[in-house]
């Protein structure tokens, strides 16, 4: 993945040339002013979206300048993962004069477009955003922003500018190897069914690839939609073990539902990790308060936030391949047998 550097910021002239109308007309359309026909308006708006043009909200003599803001775009604030990322970003920007400004997409590509459009119109000094999967319009806006763009959390895909994260496919494969080495074979999966949670999907794909290499397949799956919670983890675990009582291991797509599953198994008197093993993903602090330590993978959230902020602030050089791949770390806890 050798992503090109962002090109120069687009101007009204670019939209004018692409739409075949004057710059003055383009300006009137984009500012929603003046008498412009519906056909011309549609032509201008289509050209602007195709190019990724974002109007500049900074007025007058400041219009050519950047403001000391870094746009940080994440899918959720309720998810325990992202506050740690934001903490890492904030810590590294603290002595730079740059301030993070947060936008939330709720895992919606359409909302991400709106958030990016609004944030880029204020000409921030850089963008940090979660994930590699974006709409064509979002990719065009970012590619033509003329500022550092750092996509975080994931390195399995094509980046726009620079990428910082872990390989979720690798994390899934490595968890499969740990589970198999501990001699578990009747394995179930409990996880999100949200179509836009691409990182969870990649982990599951890597997990199944790792199992398949040993001739093992998942014996049962239980999916859910919406946010994660301890209660949901309890309910899903009860459901999958009722349907497939011979399972000897459950892999959860995140620690929150994994913790709920663990509490259910403790309540029901399961011998953990001998009768059944469990593992989650992320390595969140919540696990510190459980009576038994859940096996998991440290996704390097704080480190990802720090490294991304250092790149935006110019503290670190840009890698030649434009990828900063951190290593996910397996944390065995108490819920998996010693392999």
C-alpha atoms as a PDB file:
ATOM      1  CA  UNK A   1       0.000   0.000   0.000  1.00  0.00           C
ATOM      2  CA  UNK A   2       1.854   3.068  -1.261  1.00  0.00           C
ATOM      3  CA  UNK A   3      -0.769   5.764  -0.866  1.00  0.00           C
ATOM      4  CA  UNK A   4      -0.018   9.088  -2.582  1.00  0.00           C
ATOM      5  CA  UNK A   5       0.434  12.242  -0.570  1.00  0.00           C
ATOM      6  CA  UNK A   6      -2.623  14.489  -0.517  1.00  0.00           C
ATOM      7  CA  UNK A   7      -2.819  16.844  -3.465  1.00  0.00           C
ATOM      8  CA  UNK A   8      -3.245  20.591  -3.257  1.00  0.00           C
ATOM      9  CA  UNK A   9      -6.567  21.794  -1.829  1.00  0.00           C
ATOM     10  CA  UNK A  10      -9.291  22.136  -4.434  1.00  0.00           C
ATOM     11  CA  UNK A  11     -10.615  25.586  -5.380  1.00  0.00           C
ATOM     12  CA  UNK A  12     -13.735  27.062  -6.935  1.00  0.00           C
ATOM     13  CA  UNK A  13     -11.900  27.013 -10.246  1.00  0.00           C
ATOM     14  CA  UNK A  14     -11.650  23.197 -10.122  1.00  0.00           C
ATOM     15  CA  UNK A  15     -15.409  22.907  -9.574  1.00  0.00           C
ATOM     16  CA  UNK A  16     -16.039  25.515 -12.260  1.00  0.00           C
ATOM     17  CA  UNK A  17     -14.002  23.580 -14.808  1.00  0.00           C
ATOM     18  CA  UNK A  18     -15.576  20.238 -13.862  1.00  0.00           C
ATOM     19  CA  UNK A  19     -19.151  21.591 -14.039  1.00  0.00           C
ATOM     20  CA  UNK A  20     -18.711  23.906 -17.007  1.00  0.00           C
ATOM     21  CA  UNK A  21     -20.089  27.006 -15.276  1.00  0.00           C
ATOM     22  CA  UNK A  22     -18.453  30.181 -13.995  1.00  0.00           C
ATOM     23  CA  UNK A  23     -16.726  30.460 -10.619  1.00  0.00           C
ATOM     24  CA  UNK A  24     -19.298  33.064  -9.603  1.00  0.00           C
ATOM     25  CA  UNK A  25     -22.124  30.627 -10.308  1.00  0.00           C
ATOM     26  CA  UNK A  26     -20.313  27.879  -8.414  1.00  0.00           C
ATOM     27  CA  UNK A  27     -19.943  30.233  -5.442  1.00  0.00           C
ATOM     28  CA  UNK A  28     -23.641  31.137  -5.492  1.00  0.00           C
ATOM     29  CA  UNK A  29     -24.662  27.468  -5.585  1.00  0.00           C
ATOM     30  CA  UNK A  30     -22.341  26.376  -2.792  1.00  0.00           C
ATOM     31  CA  UNK A  31     -23.394  29.275  -0.581  1.00  0.00           C
ATOM     32  CA  UNK A  32     -27.034  28.662  -1.478  1.00  0.00           C
ATOM     33  CA  UNK A  33     -27.425  32.219  -2.716  1.00  0.00           C
ATOM     34  CA  UNK A  34     -28.652  33.830  -5.919  1.00  0.00           C
ATOM     35  CA  UNK A  35     -30.993  32.776  -8.674  1.00  0.00           C
ATOM     36  CA  UNK A  36     -29.575  29.557 -10.168  1.00  0.00           C
ATOM     37  CA  UNK A  37     -31.577  27.008 -12.150  1.00  0.00           C
ATOM     38  CA  UNK A  38     -32.184  23.568 -10.677  1.00  0.00           C
ATOM     39  CA  UNK A  39     -30.247  21.930 -13.529  1.00  0.00           C
ATOM     40  CA  UNK A  40     -27.192  24.157 -13.003  1.00  0.00           C
ATOM     41  CA  UNK A  41     -27.346  23.691  -9.242  1.00  0.00           C
ATOM     42  CA  UNK A  42     -27.414  19.914  -9.632  1.00  0.00           C
ATOM     43  CA  UNK A  43     -24.491  20.059 -12.093  1.00  0.00           C
ATOM     44  CA  UNK A  44     -22.376  22.081  -9.654  1.00  0.00           C
ATOM     45  CA  UNK A  45     -23.229  19.968  -6.619  1.00  0.00           C
ATOM     46  CA  UNK A  46     -22.496  16.748  -8.502  1.00  0.00           C
ATOM     47  CA  UNK A  47     -19.115  18.068  -9.665  1.00  0.00           C
ATOM     48  CA  UNK A  48     -18.214  19.275  -6.177  1.00  0.00           C
ATOM     49  CA  UNK A  49     -19.062  15.917  -4.604  1.00  0.00           C
ATOM     50  CA  UNK A  50     -17.220  13.968  -7.279  1.00  0.00           C
ATOM     51  CA  UNK A  51     -14.080  16.060  -6.781  1.00  0.00           C
ATOM     52  CA  UNK A  52     -14.331  16.105  -3.003  1.00  0.00           C
ATOM     53  CA  UNK A  53     -14.510  19.885  -2.830  1.00  0.00           C
ATOM     54  CA  UNK A  54     -15.358  21.404   0.566  1.00  0.00           C
ATOM     55  CA  UNK A  55     -16.133  25.155   0.816  1.00  0.00           C
ATOM     56  CA  UNK A  56     -13.909  27.202   3.110  1.00  0.00           C
ATOM     57  CA  UNK A  57     -15.781  28.685   6.089  1.00  0.00           C
ATOM     58  CA  UNK A  58     -12.835  30.835   7.148  1.00  0.00           C
ATOM     59  CA  UNK A  59     -13.474  34.359   5.959  1.00  0.00           C
ATOM     60  CA  UNK A  60     -11.365  37.126   4.477  1.00  0.00           C
ATOM     61  CA  UNK A  61      -7.619  37.312   4.958  1.00  0.00           C
ATOM     62  CA  UNK A  62      -7.572  34.097   6.979  1.00  0.00           C
ATOM     63  CA  UNK A  63      -9.053  32.046   4.156  1.00  0.00           C
ATOM     64  CA  UNK A  64      -5.710  30.660   2.990  1.00  0.00           C
ATOM     65  CA  UNK A  65      -4.633  29.622   6.493  1.00  0.00           C
ATOM     66  CA  UNK A  66      -5.173  26.566   8.653  1.00  0.00           C
ATOM     67  CA  UNK A  67      -6.595  26.621  12.137  1.00  0.00           C
ATOM     68  CA  UNK A  68      -4.893  24.881  15.056  1.00  0.00           C
ATOM     69  CA  UNK A  69      -7.476  22.111  15.186  1.00  0.00           C
ATOM     70  CA  UNK A  70      -7.116  18.401  14.430  1.00  0.00           C
ATOM     71  CA  UNK A  71     -10.325  16.686  13.347  1.00  0.00           C
ATOM     72  CA  UNK A  72     -10.669  13.319  15.105  1.00  0.00           C
ATOM     73  CA  UNK A  73     -13.489  11.237  13.634  1.00  0.00           C
ATOM     74  CA  UNK A  74     -14.591   8.096  15.484  1.00  0.00           C
ATOM     75  CA  UNK A  75     -17.632   5.802  15.198  1.00  0.00           C
ATOM     76  CA  UNK A  76     -18.757   5.872  18.832  1.00  0.00           C
ATOM     77  CA  UNK A  77     -18.256   7.522  22.211  1.00  0.00           C
ATOM     78  CA  UNK A  78     -20.136   4.816  24.123  1.00  0.00           C
ATOM     79  CA  UNK A  79     -17.692   2.130  22.973  1.00  0.00           C
ATOM     80  CA  UNK A  80     -14.979   1.635  25.627  1.00  0.00           C
ATOM     81  CA  UNK A  81     -12.303   1.491  22.923  1.00  0.00           C
ATOM     82  CA  UNK A  82     -12.301   5.055  21.684  1.00  0.00           C
ATOM     83  CA  UNK A  83     -11.826   7.080  24.884  1.00  0.00           C
ATOM     84  CA  UNK A  84      -8.384   5.427  25.174  1.00  0.00           C
ATOM     85  CA  UNK A  85      -7.584   6.386  21.586  1.00  0.00           C
ATOM     86  CA  UNK A  86      -8.656   9.963  22.261  1.00  0.00           C
ATOM     87  CA  UNK A  87      -6.523  10.002  25.403  1.00  0.00           C
ATOM     88  CA  UNK A  88      -3.475   9.036  23.369  1.00  0.00           C
ATOM     89  CA  UNK A  89      -4.210  11.713  20.756  1.00  0.00           C
ATOM     90  CA  UNK A  90      -4.729  14.409  23.372  1.00  0.00           C
ATOM     91  CA  UNK A  91      -1.558  13.503  25.276  1.00  0.00           C
ATOM     92  CA  UNK A  92       0.628  13.895  22.184  1.00  0.00           C
ATOM     93  CA  UNK A  93      -1.008  17.111  20.974  1.00  0.00           C
ATOM     94  CA  UNK A  94      -0.808  18.728  24.409  1.00  0.00           C
ATOM     95  CA  UNK A  95       2.494  20.530  23.791  1.00  0.00           C
ATOM     96  CA  UNK A  96       1.985  21.327  20.101  1.00  0.00           C
ATOM     97  CA  UNK A  97      -0.589  24.129  20.126  1.00  0.00           C
ATOM     98  CA  UNK A  98      -2.993  21.830  18.281  1.00  0.00           C
ATOM     99  CA  UNK A  99      -6.377  20.931  19.759  1.00  0.00           C
ATOM    100  CA  UNK A 100      -8.414  17.816  18.917  1.00  0.00           C
ATOM    101  CA  UNK A 101     -12.025  18.322  17.846  1.00  0.00           C
ATOM    102  CA  UNK A 102     -14.200  15.203  17.918  1.00  0.00           C
ATOM    103  CA  UNK A 103     -16.781  14.038  15.394  1.00  0.00           C
ATOM    104  CA  UNK A 104     -18.898  10.881  15.837  1.00  0.00           C
ATOM    105  CA  UNK A 105     -20.248   8.851  12.898  1.00  0.00           C
ATOM    106  CA  UNK A 106     -22.299   6.141  14.662  1.00  0.00           C
ATOM    107  CA  UNK A 107     -20.794   3.638  12.193  1.00  0.00           C
ATOM    108  CA  UNK A 108     -22.721   5.337   9.353  1.00  0.00           C
ATOM    109  CA  UNK A 109     -20.868   6.121   6.080  1.00  0.00           C
ATOM    110  CA  UNK A 110     -23.445   8.827   5.258  1.00  0.00           C
ATOM    111  CA  UNK A 111     -22.951  10.494   8.629  1.00  0.00           C
ATOM    112  CA  UNK A 112     -19.182  10.247   8.207  1.00  0.00           C
ATOM    113  CA  UNK A 113     -19.526  12.227   4.961  1.00  0.00           C
ATOM    114  CA  UNK A 114     -21.441  14.981   6.777  1.00  0.00           C
ATOM    115  CA  UNK A 115     -18.994  15.100   9.686  1.00  0.00           C
ATOM    116  CA  UNK A 116     -15.983  15.305   7.370  1.00  0.00           C
ATOM    117  CA  UNK A 117     -17.629  17.941   5.187  1.00  0.00           C
ATOM    118  CA  UNK A 118     -18.320  20.176   8.200  1.00  0.00           C
ATOM    119  CA  UNK A 119     -14.930  19.651   9.805  1.00  0.00           C
ATOM    120  CA  UNK A 120     -12.895  20.122   6.634  1.00  0.00           C
ATOM    121  CA  UNK A 121     -14.739  23.367   5.870  1.00  0.00           C
ATOM    122  CA  UNK A 122     -12.952  24.905   8.880  1.00  0.00           C
ATOM    123  CA  UNK A 123      -9.586  23.945   7.381  1.00  0.00           C
ATOM    124  CA  UNK A 124      -8.095  21.923  10.250  1.00  0.00           C
ATOM    125  CA  UNK A 125      -4.382  21.169  10.385  1.00  0.00           C
ATOM    126  CA  UNK A 126      -4.958  17.435  10.073  1.00  0.00           C
ATOM    127  CA  UNK A 127      -7.483  14.596  10.239  1.00  0.00           C
ATOM    128  CA  UNK A 128      -7.379  11.411  12.301  1.00  0.00           C
ATOM    129  CA  UNK A 129     -10.226   9.013  11.581  1.00  0.00           C
ATOM    130  CA  UNK A 130     -11.095   5.447  12.444  1.00  0.00           C
ATOM    131  CA  UNK A 131     -11.073   2.742   9.810  1.00  0.00           C
ATOM    132  CA  UNK A 132     -10.105   2.331   6.176  1.00  0.00           C
ATOM    133  CA  UNK A 133     -13.571   1.908   4.674  1.00  0.00           C
ATOM    134  CA  UNK A 134     -15.191   5.155   3.542  1.00  0.00           C
ATOM    135  CA  UNK A 135     -17.626   6.275   0.862  1.00  0.00           C
ATOM    136  CA  UNK A 136     -16.280   7.570  -2.449  1.00  0.00           C
ATOM    137  CA  UNK A 137     -17.267  11.097  -1.445  1.00  0.00           C
ATOM    138  CA  UNK A 138     -15.420  10.858   1.880  1.00  0.00           C
ATOM    139  CA  UNK A 139     -12.305   9.473   0.210  1.00  0.00           C
ATOM    140  CA  UNK A 140     -12.369  12.274  -2.358  1.00  0.00           C
ATOM    141  CA  UNK A 141     -12.680  14.971   0.335  1.00  0.00           C
ATOM    142  CA  UNK A 142      -9.813  13.508   2.332  1.00  0.00           C
ATOM    143  CA  UNK A 143      -7.550  12.887  -0.674  1.00  0.00           C
ATOM    144  CA  UNK A 144      -7.965  16.486  -1.814  1.00  0.00           C
ATOM    145  CA  UNK A 145      -7.796  18.158   1.591  1.00  0.00           C
ATOM    146  CA  UNK A 146      -4.102  19.028   1.300  1.00  0.00           C
ATOM    147  CA  UNK A 147      -3.512  18.178   4.981  1.00  0.00           C
ATOM    148  CA  UNK A 148      -2.168  15.127   6.829  1.00  0.00           C
ATOM    149  CA  UNK A 149      -4.779  12.363   6.989  1.00  0.00           C
ATOM    150  CA  UNK A 150      -4.140   9.447   9.335  1.00  0.00           C
ATOM    151  CA  UNK A 151      -6.536   6.501   9.299  1.00  0.00           C
ATOM    152  CA  UNK A 152      -6.336   4.528  12.525  1.00  0.00           C
ATOM    153  CA  UNK A 153      -7.180   1.181  14.166  1.00  0.00           C
ATOM    154  CA  UNK A 154      -6.674  -1.014  11.082  1.00  0.00           C
ATOM    155  CA  UNK A 155      -3.932  -1.764   8.532  1.00  0.00           C
ATOM    156  CA  UNK A 156      -5.764  -4.420   6.483  1.00  0.00           C
ATOM    157  CA  UNK A 157      -6.692  -2.376   3.429  1.00  0.00           C
ATOM    158  CA  UNK A 158      -5.836   0.610   1.252  1.00  0.00           C
ATOM    159  CA  UNK A 159      -5.123   3.886   2.981  1.00  0.00           C
ATOM    160  CA  UNK A 160      -5.650   7.415   1.696  1.00  0.00           C
ATOM    161  CA  UNK A 161      -2.501   8.957   3.154  1.00  0.00           C
ATOM    162  CA  UNK A 162      -0.980   7.350   6.270  1.00  0.00           C
ATOM    163  CA  UNK A 163      -2.276   4.414   8.326  1.00  0.00           C
ATOM    164  CA  UNK A 164      -1.693   3.536  12.012  1.00  0.00           C
ATOM    165  CA  UNK A 165      -3.149   0.429  13.611  1.00  0.00           C
ATOM    166  CA  UNK A 166      -3.033  -3.329  13.940  1.00  0.00           C
ATOM    167  CA  UNK A 167      -3.921  -6.152  11.582  1.00  0.00           C
ATOM    168  CA  UNK A 168      -7.265  -7.449  12.795  1.00  0.00           C
ATOM    169  CA  UNK A 169      -6.972 -10.435  10.493  1.00  0.00           C
ATOM    170  CA  UNK A 170      -3.668 -11.274  12.191  1.00  0.00           C
ATOM    171  CA  UNK A 171      -5.235 -10.815  15.644  1.00  0.00           C
ATOM    172  CA  UNK A 172      -7.977 -13.291  14.736  1.00  0.00           C
ATOM    173  CA  UNK A 173      -5.518 -15.850  13.384  1.00  0.00           C
ATOM    174  CA  UNK A 174      -3.318 -15.566  16.449  1.00  0.00           C
ATOM    175  CA  UNK A 175      -6.256 -16.079  18.802  1.00  0.00           C
ATOM    176  CA  UNK A 176      -7.246 -19.183  16.843  1.00  0.00           C
ATOM    177  CA  UNK A 177      -3.703 -20.525  17.221  1.00  0.00           C
ATOM    178  CA  UNK A 178      -3.765 -19.927  21.004  1.00  0.00           C
ATOM    179  CA  UNK A 179      -7.112 -21.659  21.405  1.00  0.00           C
ATOM    180  CA  UNK A 180      -6.065 -24.659  19.324  1.00  0.00           C
ATOM    181  CA  UNK A 181      -2.745 -24.939  21.169  1.00  0.00           C
ATOM    182  CA  UNK A 182      -4.725 -25.221  24.411  1.00  0.00           C
ATOM    183  CA  UNK A 183      -6.542 -28.229  22.894  1.00  0.00           C
ATOM    184  CA  UNK A 184      -9.998 -26.689  22.493  1.00  0.00           C
ATOM    185  CA  UNK A 185     -11.835 -27.970  19.412  1.00  0.00           C
ATOM    186  CA  UNK A 186     -15.600 -27.322  19.818  1.00  0.00           C
ATOM    187  CA  UNK A 187     -15.543 -23.590  19.336  1.00  0.00           C
ATOM    188  CA  UNK A 188     -18.333 -21.028  19.148  1.00  0.00           C
ATOM    189  CA  UNK A 189     -18.326 -17.343  18.230  1.00  0.00           C
ATOM    190  CA  UNK A 190     -20.389 -14.521  19.720  1.00  0.00           C
ATOM    191  CA  UNK A 191     -20.158 -11.180  17.980  1.00  0.00           C
ATOM    192  CA  UNK A 192     -21.538  -8.148  16.275  1.00  0.00           C
ATOM    193  CA  UNK A 193     -23.597  -8.404  13.105  1.00  0.00           C
ATOM    194  CA  UNK A 194     -23.223  -4.701  12.267  1.00  0.00           C
ATOM    195  CA  UNK A 195     -22.367  -4.501   8.547  1.00  0.00           C
ATOM    196  CA  UNK A 196     -20.189  -1.428   9.057  1.00  0.00           C
ATOM    197  CA  UNK A 197     -18.012  -2.938  11.813  1.00  0.00           C
ATOM    198  CA  UNK A 198     -15.332  -3.904   9.303  1.00  0.00           C
ATOM    199  CA  UNK A 199     -12.643  -4.571  11.897  1.00  0.00           C
ATOM    200  CA  UNK A 200     -14.771  -7.160  13.729  1.00  0.00           C
ATOM    201  CA  UNK A 201     -15.488  -8.804  10.379  1.00  0.00           C
ATOM    202  CA  UNK A 202     -11.776  -9.006   9.533  1.00  0.00           C
ATOM    203  CA  UNK A 203     -10.960 -10.516  12.933  1.00  0.00           C
ATOM    204  CA  UNK A 204     -13.578 -13.204  12.447  1.00  0.00           C
ATOM    205  CA  UNK A 205     -12.239 -13.937   8.953  1.00  0.00           C
ATOM    206  CA  UNK A 206      -8.705 -14.328  10.311  1.00  0.00           C
ATOM    207  CA  UNK A 207      -9.998 -16.447  13.193  1.00  0.00           C
ATOM    208  CA  UNK A 208     -11.794 -18.834  10.860  1.00  0.00           C
ATOM    209  CA  UNK A 209      -8.752 -19.014   8.578  1.00  0.00           C
ATOM    210  CA  UNK A 210      -6.614 -20.013  11.548  1.00  0.00           C
ATOM    211  CA  UNK A 211      -9.089 -22.693  12.604  1.00  0.00           C
ATOM    212  CA  UNK A 212      -9.411 -24.014   9.054  1.00  0.00           C
ATOM    213  CA  UNK A 213      -5.661 -24.603   8.801  1.00  0.00           C
ATOM    214  CA  UNK A 214      -6.080 -27.145  11.623  1.00  0.00           C
ATOM    215  CA  UNK A 215      -9.196 -28.675  10.059  1.00  0.00           C
ATOM    216  CA  UNK A 216     -11.507 -27.047  12.626  1.00  0.00           C
ATOM    217  CA  UNK A 217     -14.677 -25.090  11.878  1.00  0.00           C
ATOM    218  CA  UNK A 218     -16.908 -23.007  14.124  1.00  0.00           C
ATOM    219  CA  UNK A 219     -19.633 -25.199  15.584  1.00  0.00           C
ATOM    220  CA  UNK A 220     -21.995 -22.348  16.494  1.00  0.00           C
ATOM    221  CA  UNK A 221     -22.402 -18.600  16.076  1.00  0.00           C
ATOM    222  CA  UNK A 222     -24.497 -16.024  17.879  1.00  0.00           C
ATOM    223  CA  UNK A 223     -24.784 -12.525  16.407  1.00  0.00           C
ATOM    224  CA  UNK A 224     -26.258  -9.326  17.748  1.00  0.00           C
ATOM    225  CA  UNK A 225     -26.888  -5.826  16.485  1.00  0.00           C
ATOM    226  CA  UNK A 226     -26.404  -2.503  18.223  1.00  0.00           C
ATOM    227  CA  UNK A 227     -24.125  -1.640  21.106  1.00  0.00           C
ATOM    228  CA  UNK A 228     -22.350  -4.032  23.461  1.00  0.00           C
ATOM    229  CA  UNK A 229     -23.196  -4.521  27.119  1.00  0.00           C
ATOM    230  CA  UNK A 230     -22.632  -6.952  29.967  1.00  0.00           C
ATOM    231  CA  UNK A 231     -26.314  -7.919  29.890  1.00  0.00           C
ATOM    232  CA  UNK A 232     -26.168  -8.635  26.174  1.00  0.00           C
ATOM    233  CA  UNK A 233     -23.088 -10.779  26.736  1.00  0.00           C
ATOM    234  CA  UNK A 234     -24.908 -12.791  29.403  1.00  0.00           C
ATOM    235  CA  UNK A 235     -27.975 -13.301  27.205  1.00  0.00           C
ATOM    236  CA  UNK A 236     -26.019 -14.285  24.098  1.00  0.00           C
ATOM    237  CA  UNK A 237     -23.845 -16.719  26.021  1.00  0.00           C
ATOM    238  CA  UNK A 238     -26.870 -18.403  27.568  1.00  0.00           C
ATOM    239  CA  UNK A 239     -28.459 -18.623  24.138  1.00  0.00           C
ATOM    240  CA  UNK A 240     -25.480 -20.190  22.365  1.00  0.00           C
ATOM    241  CA  UNK A 241     -24.737 -22.662  25.164  1.00  0.00           C
ATOM    242  CA  UNK A 242     -28.388 -23.710  25.290  1.00  0.00           C
ATOM    243  CA  UNK A 243     -28.321 -24.349  21.557  1.00  0.00           C
ATOM    244  CA  UNK A 244     -24.849 -25.948  21.523  1.00  0.00           C
ATOM    245  CA  UNK A 245     -24.124 -27.273  25.047  1.00  0.00           C
ATOM    246  CA  UNK A 246     -21.033 -29.255  24.001  1.00  0.00           C
ATOM    247  CA  UNK A 247     -19.000 -26.177  23.083  1.00  0.00           C
ATOM    248  CA  UNK A 248     -15.700 -26.014  24.943  1.00  0.00           C
ATOM    249  CA  UNK A 249     -14.649 -22.485  23.926  1.00  0.00           C
ATOM    250  CA  UNK A 250     -16.343 -19.172  23.180  1.00  0.00           C
ATOM    251  CA  UNK A 251     -14.604 -16.372  21.274  1.00  0.00           C
ATOM    252  CA  UNK A 252     -16.285 -12.981  21.693  1.00  0.00           C
ATOM    253  CA  UNK A 253     -15.826 -10.095  19.270  1.00  0.00           C
ATOM    254  CA  UNK A 254     -15.095  -7.685  22.143  1.00  0.00           C
ATOM    255  CA  UNK A 255     -14.378  -7.633  25.861  1.00  0.00           C
ATOM    256  CA  UNK A 256     -17.689  -6.124  26.917  1.00  0.00           C
ATOM    257  CA  UNK A 257     -19.823  -9.004  25.739  1.00  0.00           C
ATOM    258  CA  UNK A 258     -17.014 -11.391  26.678  1.00  0.00           C
ATOM    259  CA  UNK A 259     -17.166 -10.108  30.257  1.00  0.00           C
ATOM    260  CA  UNK A 260     -20.926 -10.650  30.276  1.00  0.00           C
ATOM    261  CA  UNK A 261     -20.390 -14.177  28.972  1.00  0.00           C
ATOM    262  CA  UNK A 262     -17.819 -14.838  31.669  1.00  0.00           C
ATOM    263  CA  UNK A 263     -20.198 -13.678  34.402  1.00  0.00           C
ATOM    264  CA  UNK A 264     -22.905 -15.978  33.024  1.00  0.00           C
ATOM    265  CA  UNK A 265     -20.554 -18.974  33.075  1.00  0.00           C
ATOM    266  CA  UNK A 266     -19.433 -18.186  36.622  1.00  0.00           C
ATOM    267  CA  UNK A 267     -23.064 -17.916  37.771  1.00  0.00           C
ATOM    268  CA  UNK A 268     -23.887 -21.276  36.173  1.00  0.00           C
ATOM    269  CA  UNK A 269     -20.919 -22.980  37.843  1.00  0.00           C
ATOM    270  CA  UNK A 270     -18.897 -23.820  34.737  1.00  0.00           C
ATOM    271  CA  UNK A 271     -15.352 -25.041  35.362  1.00  0.00           C
ATOM    272  CA  UNK A 272     -13.309 -22.296  33.680  1.00  0.00           C
ATOM    273  CA  UNK A 273     -11.033 -22.881  31.775  1.00  0.00           C
ATOM    274  CA  UNK A 274     -11.260 -26.688  31.886  1.00  0.00           C
ATOM    275  CA  UNK A 275     -14.898 -27.293  30.932  1.00  0.00           C
ATOM    276  CA  UNK A 276     -15.089 -24.129  28.856  1.00  0.00           C
ATOM    277  CA  UNK A 277     -12.643 -21.437  27.838  1.00  0.00           C
ATOM    278  CA  UNK A 278     -13.434 -17.854  26.834  1.00  0.00           C
ATOM    279  CA  UNK A 279     -11.654 -14.962  25.160  1.00  0.00           C
ATOM    280  CA  UNK A 280     -12.523 -11.436  24.087  1.00  0.00           C
ATOM    281  CA  UNK A 281     -10.798  -8.622  22.238  1.00  0.00           C
ATOM    282  CA  UNK A 282      -9.442  -5.148  23.078  1.00  0.00           C
ATOM    283  CA  UNK A 283      -7.908  -5.457  26.556  1.00  0.00           C
ATOM    284  CA  UNK A 284     -10.139  -2.823  28.193  1.00  0.00           C
ATOM    285  CA  UNK A 285      -9.725  -1.759  31.823  1.00  0.00           C
ATOM    286  CA  UNK A 286     -13.160  -3.178  32.655  1.00  0.00           C
ATOM    287  CA  UNK A 287     -11.570  -6.627  32.852  1.00  0.00           C
ATOM    288  CA  UNK A 288      -9.520  -5.595  35.894  1.00  0.00           C
ATOM    289  CA  UNK A 289     -12.646  -5.669  38.070  1.00  0.00           C
ATOM    290  CA  UNK A 290     -13.828  -9.188  37.190  1.00  0.00           C
ATOM    291  CA  UNK A 291     -13.456 -12.120  39.610  1.00  0.00           C
ATOM    292  CA  UNK A 292     -11.706 -14.078  36.841  1.00  0.00           C
ATOM    293  CA  UNK A 293      -9.447 -12.454  34.276  1.00  0.00           C
ATOM    294  CA  UNK A 294     -10.785 -12.839  30.727  1.00  0.00           C
ATOM    295  CA  UNK A 295      -8.274 -13.834  28.027  1.00  0.00           C
ATOM    296  CA  UNK A 296      -8.107 -11.139  25.383  1.00  0.00           C
ATOM    297  CA  UNK A 297      -5.978  -9.272  22.867  1.00  0.00           C
ATOM    298  CA  UNK A 298      -4.526  -5.853  23.620  1.00  0.00           C
ATOM    299  CA  UNK A 299      -5.408  -3.791  20.532  1.00  0.00           C
ATOM    300  CA  UNK A 300      -2.841  -1.061  21.375  1.00  0.00           C
ATOM    301  CA  UNK A 301      -5.476   1.690  21.506  1.00  0.00           C
ATOM    302  CA  UNK A 302      -3.503   4.334  23.420  1.00  0.00           C
ATOM    303  CA  UNK A 303      -0.400   3.687  21.318  1.00  0.00           C
ATOM    304  CA  UNK A 304      -2.439   4.058  18.133  1.00  0.00           C
ATOM    305  CA  UNK A 305      -3.784   7.427  19.285  1.00  0.00           C
ATOM    306  CA  UNK A 306      -0.319   8.629  20.249  1.00  0.00           C
ATOM    307  CA  UNK A 307       1.357   7.538  17.015  1.00  0.00           C
ATOM    308  CA  UNK A 308      -1.367   9.091  14.872  1.00  0.00           C
ATOM    309  CA  UNK A 309      -1.126  12.412  16.701  1.00  0.00           C
ATOM    310  CA  UNK A 310       2.669  12.444  16.389  1.00  0.00           C
ATOM    311  CA  UNK A 311       2.358  12.039  12.615  1.00  0.00           C
ATOM    312  CA  UNK A 312      -0.216  14.831  12.290  1.00  0.00           C
ATOM    313  CA  UNK A 313       1.855  17.141  14.503  1.00  0.00           C
ATOM    314  CA  UNK A 314       5.055  16.437  12.579  1.00  0.00           C
ATOM    315  CA  UNK A 315       6.792  14.901  15.593  1.00  0.00           C
ATOM    316  CA  UNK A 316       7.532  11.657  13.713  1.00  0.00           C
ATOM    317  CA  UNK A 317       8.650  11.196  10.100  1.00  0.00           C
ATOM    318  CA  UNK A 318       6.199   9.596   7.692  1.00  0.00           C
ATOM    319  CA  UNK A 319       7.222   5.959   7.014  1.00  0.00           C
ATOM    320  CA  UNK A 320       8.233   5.238   3.442  1.00  0.00           C
ATOM    321  CA  UNK A 321       5.350   2.790   3.007  1.00  0.00           C
ATOM    322  CA  UNK A 322       3.043   5.147   4.945  1.00  0.00           C
ATOM    323  CA  UNK A 323       2.034   2.359   7.348  1.00  0.00           C
ATOM    324  CA  UNK A 324       2.639   2.177  11.098  1.00  0.00           C
ATOM    325  CA  UNK A 325       1.667  -1.406  11.982  1.00  0.00           C
ATOM    326  CA  UNK A 326       1.601  -2.136  15.703  1.00  0.00           C
ATOM    327  CA  UNK A 327       1.579  -5.665  17.085  1.00  0.00           C
ATOM    328  CA  UNK A 328      -1.565  -6.934  18.855  1.00  0.00           C
ATOM    329  CA  UNK A 329      -0.635  -8.616  22.141  1.00  0.00           C
ATOM    330  CA  UNK A 330      -2.266 -11.758  23.513  1.00  0.00           C
ATOM    331  CA  UNK A 331      -3.192 -11.558  27.218  1.00  0.00           C
ATOM    332  CA  UNK A 332      -3.951 -15.077  28.525  1.00  0.00           C
ATOM    333  CA  UNK A 333      -5.811 -14.162  31.719  1.00  0.00           C
ATOM    334  CA  UNK A 334      -7.451 -17.065  33.550  1.00  0.00           C
ATOM    335  CA  UNK A 335      -9.954 -18.304  30.966  1.00  0.00           C
ATOM    336  CA  UNK A 336      -7.778 -20.373  28.625  1.00  0.00           C
ATOM    337  CA  UNK A 337      -5.783 -23.467  29.467  1.00  0.00           C
ATOM    338  CA  UNK A 338      -1.998 -23.322  29.289  1.00  0.00           C
ATOM    339  CA  UNK A 339      -1.133 -24.600  25.840  1.00  0.00           C
END
